[in-house]
Amino acid sequence: MSIGAAGATLVVSIGAAGAAHADEGRLDWPLRPVPAVTRGFDAPTPDWLPGHRGVDLAGRPGQPVYAAGDGVVVFAGSLAGRPVVSVAHPGGLRTSYEPVRTAVRAGQQVTAGTALGELLAGHSGCPAAACLHWGAMWGPASGAHYVDPLGLLGSTPIRLKPLRPRGRITRPTGPRSLGFGG
């Protein structure tokens, strides 16, 4: 048996970029069409240091902002002077969206693609007409572990990298070398 492809990188795309619903726990884009990322995720270590705990997505004022996945709205209002919507998803994930003029209320069930409200202008440092700050975190608000929401998208490619350094790939010579047989 030849394992000639063992050193290659495998790229698999999960879902479609324009999917209407999150697929098997994966998230959808909160803006449509798929927006440009104007500022990436930059989590600080340790968590209490300054950083960017989400991504900024280019949009336009008044553009609908959609729930990235099924869940329950846990907050819809002003937080530190900014209009925010936060959704709790199954499994302990929470997503946040700001600045958003809300169209939902706390306690409301939403599905992926439900309009949460409208994007507002005025996000600090935004190079576009308006930017959505989209965050994702695991765990309760008091001890949240922030993660890059782009890595949770259904359209995110999965890349498998080889464990061995580049070079010659050794090939097995018999069934025992593949872990079969006695």
Protein backbone atom coordinates (compact mmCIF):
# COMPACT_ATOMS: atom_id res chain seq x y z
CA MET A 1 0.00 0.00 0.00
CA SER A 2 1.41 3.39 -0.95
CA ILE A 3 1.08 6.40 1.28
CA GLY A 4 2.42 8.90 -1.22
CA ALA A 5 -0.10 11.57 -0.23
CA ALA A 6 0.85 11.48 3.46
CA GLY A 7 3.08 14.51 3.11
CA ALA A 8 0.50 16.59 1.26
CA THR A 9 -1.74 19.21 2.79
CA LEU A 10 -5.43 18.32 2.68
CA VAL A 11 -7.92 21.17 2.37
CA VAL A 12 -11.59 20.47 2.94
CA SER A 13 -14.32 23.10 2.84
CA ILE A 14 -17.25 22.61 5.18
CA GLY A 15 -20.54 24.13 4.15
CA ALA A 16 -21.22 26.96 1.77
CA ALA A 17 -20.31 30.58 2.36
CA GLY A 18 -23.90 31.67 1.82
CA ALA A 19 -25.58 28.94 3.87
CA ALA A 20 -28.87 30.00 5.42
CA HIS A 21 -28.38 28.01 8.62
CA ALA A 22 -25.43 26.99 10.74
CA ASP A 23 -24.39 23.43 9.93
CA GLU A 24 -23.72 21.02 12.80
CA GLY A 25 -22.69 23.69 15.30
CA ARG A 26 -20.81 25.82 12.77
CA LEU A 27 -21.72 29.49 12.41
CA ASP A 28 -22.91 31.62 9.51
CA TRP A 29 -21.68 35.11 8.63
CA PRO A 30 -23.66 37.78 10.52
CA LEU A 31 -23.61 40.14 7.50
CA ARG A 32 -24.64 39.42 3.92
CA PRO A 33 -23.08 39.35 1.45
CA VAL A 34 -19.91 37.95 3.04
CA PRO A 35 -18.10 41.07 4.29
CA ALA A 36 -14.48 42.13 4.27
CA VAL A 37 -12.65 41.71 7.58
CA THR A 38 -11.27 45.13 8.48
CA ARG A 39 -9.62 44.07 11.74
CA GLY A 40 -8.80 40.53 12.84
CA PHE A 41 -8.94 38.71 16.16
CA ASP A 42 -6.08 39.48 18.56
CA ALA A 43 -6.74 37.98 21.99
CA PRO A 44 -4.42 39.13 24.76
CA THR A 45 -2.53 36.83 27.09
CA PRO A 46 -3.48 36.99 29.90
CA ASP A 47 -7.14 37.76 29.21
CA TRP A 48 -7.24 41.01 31.17
CA LEU A 49 -4.67 42.80 28.97
CA PRO A 50 -5.78 45.04 26.06
CA GLY A 51 -6.53 43.26 22.80
CA HIS A 52 -9.17 42.78 20.14
CA ARG A 53 -11.58 40.08 21.32
CA GLY A 54 -13.46 39.68 18.05
CA VAL A 55 -13.33 40.73 14.42
CA ASP A 56 -14.54 43.86 12.66
CA LEU A 57 -16.56 43.33 9.49
CA ALA A 58 -17.18 46.06 6.89
CA GLY A 59 -20.80 46.97 6.28
CA ARG A 60 -23.11 49.88 5.73
CA PRO A 61 -25.36 51.77 8.16
CA GLY A 62 -28.83 50.19 8.30
CA GLN A 63 -27.62 46.82 6.99
CA PRO A 64 -29.34 43.85 8.69
CA VAL A 65 -27.25 41.94 11.25
CA TYR A 66 -28.14 38.25 11.50
CA ALA A 67 -27.77 35.65 14.25
CA ALA A 68 -24.78 33.50 13.33
CA GLY A 69 -26.43 30.39 14.79
CA ASP A 70 -29.43 29.10 16.73
CA GLY A 71 -29.70 30.30 20.31
CA VAL A 72 -31.30 32.61 22.85
CA VAL A 73 -30.76 36.36 23.06
CA VAL A 74 -29.22 36.95 26.50
CA PHE A 75 -28.65 40.70 26.13
CA ALA A 76 -30.01 43.41 23.85
CA GLY A 77 -29.30 46.97 24.89
CA SER A 78 -26.61 49.44 25.83
CA LEU A 79 -23.39 48.15 27.38
CA ALA A 80 -20.74 50.73 28.31
CA GLY A 81 -22.54 53.20 26.04
CA ARG A 82 -22.54 50.87 23.02
CA PRO A 83 -25.60 49.10 21.54
CA VAL A 84 -24.93 45.35 21.83
CA VAL A 85 -26.76 42.08 21.16
CA SER A 86 -25.48 38.85 22.72
CA VAL A 87 -26.73 35.36 21.82
CA ALA A 88 -26.15 32.14 23.84
CA HIS A 89 -25.79 29.10 21.57
CA PRO A 90 -26.02 25.41 22.52
CA GLY A 91 -22.86 24.00 24.08
CA GLY A 92 -21.79 27.16 25.94
CA LEU A 93 -20.81 29.40 23.02
CA ARG A 94 -21.91 33.05 23.06
CA THR A 95 -21.67 35.54 20.21
CA SER A 96 -21.85 39.32 20.47
CA TYR A 97 -22.67 41.94 17.86
CA GLU A 98 -22.06 45.71 18.07
CA PRO A 99 -23.05 48.44 17.28
CA VAL A 100 -26.55 47.16 16.49
CA ARG A 101 -29.93 48.90 16.74
CA THR A 102 -31.73 45.91 18.22
CA ALA A 103 -34.85 44.27 16.82
CA VAL A 104 -34.83 41.47 19.43
CA ARG A 105 -35.24 41.23 23.20
CA ALA A 106 -33.51 39.24 25.93
CA GLY A 107 -35.02 35.76 26.26
CA GLN A 108 -36.04 35.57 22.60
CA GLN A 109 -35.24 32.34 20.72
CA VAL A 110 -33.46 32.92 17.41
CA THR A 111 -32.33 30.69 14.59
CA ALA A 112 -29.34 31.16 12.30
CA GLY A 113 -30.26 33.98 9.95
CA THR A 114 -32.74 35.73 12.28
CA ALA A 115 -32.35 39.51 11.95
CA LEU A 116 -31.03 40.80 15.28
CA GLY A 117 -31.20 44.44 14.22
CA GLU A 118 -29.49 47.01 12.02
CA LEU A 119 -25.82 47.91 11.84
CA LEU A 120 -25.02 51.41 13.08
CA ALA A 121 -22.11 53.64 12.09
CA GLY A 122 -19.62 54.80 14.68
CA HIS A 123 -17.53 51.76 15.60
CA SER A 124 -14.14 53.10 16.69
CA GLY A 125 -11.35 52.63 14.14
CA CYS A 126 -13.67 51.48 11.36
CA PRO A 127 -12.32 52.30 7.87
CA ALA A 128 -15.72 51.60 6.21
CA ALA A 129 -19.08 53.40 6.37
CA ALA A 130 -19.92 51.05 9.28
CA CYS A 131 -18.27 48.05 10.92
CA LEU A 132 -19.76 45.20 12.92
CA HIS A 133 -17.64 44.05 15.85
CA TRP A 134 -18.41 40.32 16.08
CA GLY A 135 -17.16 38.38 19.08
CA ALA A 136 -17.35 34.76 20.24
CA MET A 137 -16.64 33.32 23.67
CA TRP A 138 -16.96 30.06 25.57
CA GLY A 139 -18.22 29.97 29.14
CA PRO A 140 -19.96 32.43 31.45
CA ALA A 141 -19.43 36.18 31.03
CA SER A 142 -17.41 36.38 34.25
CA GLY A 143 -14.81 33.89 32.99
CA ALA A 144 -15.26 33.89 29.22
CA HIS A 145 -12.59 32.46 26.95
CA TYR A 146 -12.63 34.53 23.76
CA VAL A 147 -12.15 32.77 20.43
CA ASP A 148 -11.88 33.91 16.82
CA PRO A 149 -15.41 33.73 15.37
CA LEU A 150 -13.99 33.27 11.86
CA GLY A 151 -12.69 29.86 12.95
CA LEU A 152 -16.26 28.82 13.81
CA LEU A 153 -17.73 29.57 10.38
CA GLY A 154 -19.24 26.72 8.40
CA SER A 155 -17.27 27.92 5.38
CA THR A 156 -13.92 27.75 7.19
CA PRO A 157 -11.52 25.40 5.41
CA ILE A 158 -9.92 22.69 7.52
CA ARG A 159 -6.24 22.20 6.80
CA LEU A 160 -4.39 19.09 7.91
CA LYS A 161 -0.65 19.61 8.11
CA PRO A 162 1.96 16.83 8.15
CA LEU A 163 3.57 16.01 11.49
CA ARG A 164 6.91 15.15 9.92
CA PRO A 165 9.27 17.79 8.62
CA ARG A 166 9.52 18.08 4.86
CA GLY A 167 11.66 15.55 3.15
CA ARG A 168 11.59 11.90 2.40
CA ILE A 169 8.46 10.01 3.44
CA THR A 170 9.15 6.50 4.67
CA ARG A 171 6.85 3.86 3.28
CA PRO A 172 5.63 0.84 5.22
CA THR A 173 6.86 -2.55 4.00
CA GLY A 174 4.17 -4.89 5.30
CA PRO A 175 0.91 -5.27 7.20
CA ARG A 176 2.56 -4.99 10.64
CA SER A 177 4.04 -1.61 9.79
CA LEU A 178 0.53 -0.27 9.22
CA GLY A 179 -0.70 -1.58 12.56
CA PHE A 180 -2.56 -4.58 11.13
CA GLY A 181 -2.04 -8.22 11.96
CA GLY A 182 -0.54 -9.97 14.96
